[in-house]
Amino acid sequence: MRNIADKFSKRDATIVLKGKERIDRWIAEVHEDRVITYPVGAGLLAPLARKPREPVRYSQMLSIGELDPKG
């Protein structure tokens, strides 16, 4: 999953969680066991202006894909 997540580092993406829940997030960092995310569009904000980060563990994820432009 890390190899897939690396492709989305520093951009918006849709994360599909187990249970089929989809969340649209900005992928800030990719670590060995998790990705660090912020709300969509956070890449345009100064670090101090971003809302709190949210880590998502690979064990929670089914996949990461392109952000759906339709919302």
Protein backbone atom coordinates (compact mmCIF):
# COMPACT_ATOMS: atom_id res chain seq x y z
CA MET A 1 0.00 0.00 0.00
CA ARG A 2 2.92 2.34 0.63
CA ASN A 3 3.95 2.17 -3.03
CA ILE A 4 0.42 3.16 -4.06
CA ALA A 5 0.25 5.95 -1.47
CA ASP A 6 3.61 7.39 -2.57
CA LYS A 7 2.07 8.23 -5.97
CA PHE A 8 -0.45 10.50 -4.23
CA SER A 9 1.95 12.28 -1.88
CA LYS A 10 1.41 16.07 -1.75
CA ARG A 11 -1.93 16.02 -3.57
CA ASP A 12 -5.63 15.36 -3.13
CA ALA A 13 -6.91 11.79 -3.40
CA THR A 14 -9.84 9.57 -2.52
CA ILE A 15 -9.09 6.94 0.12
CA VAL A 16 -11.34 3.89 0.23
CA LEU A 17 -11.54 2.45 3.72
CA LYS A 18 -12.58 -1.04 4.74
CA GLY A 19 -16.35 -0.94 4.96
CA LYS A 20 -16.34 0.86 1.58
CA GLU A 21 -16.32 4.36 3.11
CA ARG A 22 -14.69 6.91 0.81
CA ILE A 23 -12.92 9.99 2.14
CA ASP A 24 -11.40 12.78 0.08
CA ARG A 25 -8.18 13.98 1.69
CA TRP A 26 -4.91 15.76 0.91
CA ILE A 27 -2.05 13.29 1.38
CA ALA A 28 0.63 15.23 3.25
CA GLU A 29 3.11 12.50 4.19
CA VAL A 30 3.60 8.81 3.51
CA HIS A 31 5.10 6.70 6.31
CA GLU A 32 5.85 3.00 6.69
CA ASP A 33 2.48 2.13 8.25
CA ARG A 34 0.22 5.14 7.60
CA VAL A 35 -0.47 8.25 5.58
CA ILE A 36 -0.93 11.67 7.15
CA THR A 37 -3.91 13.52 5.71
CA TYR A 38 -5.63 16.90 5.87
CA PRO A 39 -8.90 18.16 4.38
CA VAL A 40 -8.98 18.51 0.58
CA GLY A 41 -7.21 21.66 -0.59
CA ALA A 42 -4.96 21.88 2.47
CA GLY A 43 -1.91 21.84 0.21
CA LEU A 44 -2.72 25.43 -0.69
CA LEU A 45 -2.72 26.55 2.95
CA ALA A 46 0.22 27.52 5.13
CA PRO A 47 1.03 24.68 7.56
CA LEU A 48 -0.24 26.63 10.58
CA ALA A 49 -3.57 27.37 8.83
CA ARG A 50 -4.37 23.69 8.22
CA LYS A 51 -6.89 21.90 10.36
CA PRO A 52 -5.50 19.11 12.55
CA ARG A 53 -3.89 16.27 10.67
CA GLU A 54 -5.46 12.84 10.54
CA PRO A 55 -3.35 9.70 10.17
CA VAL A 56 -4.88 6.78 8.27
CA ARG A 57 -3.26 3.38 8.78
CA TYR A 58 -2.74 1.10 5.81
CA SER A 59 -4.62 -1.64 7.70
CA GLN A 60 -7.76 0.57 7.48
CA MET A 61 -7.45 1.14 3.73
CA LEU A 62 -8.56 -0.78 0.68
CA SER A 63 -7.16 1.62 -1.92
CA ILE A 64 -6.25 5.16 -2.88
CA GLY A 65 -7.39 6.70 -6.15
CA GLU A 66 -7.85 9.93 -8.06
CA LEU A 67 -10.05 12.50 -6.39
CA ASP A 68 -13.53 12.40 -7.88
CA PRO A 69 -14.06 15.88 -9.39
CA LYS A 70 -17.83 15.49 -9.08
CA GLY A 71 -17.55 15.35 -5.28
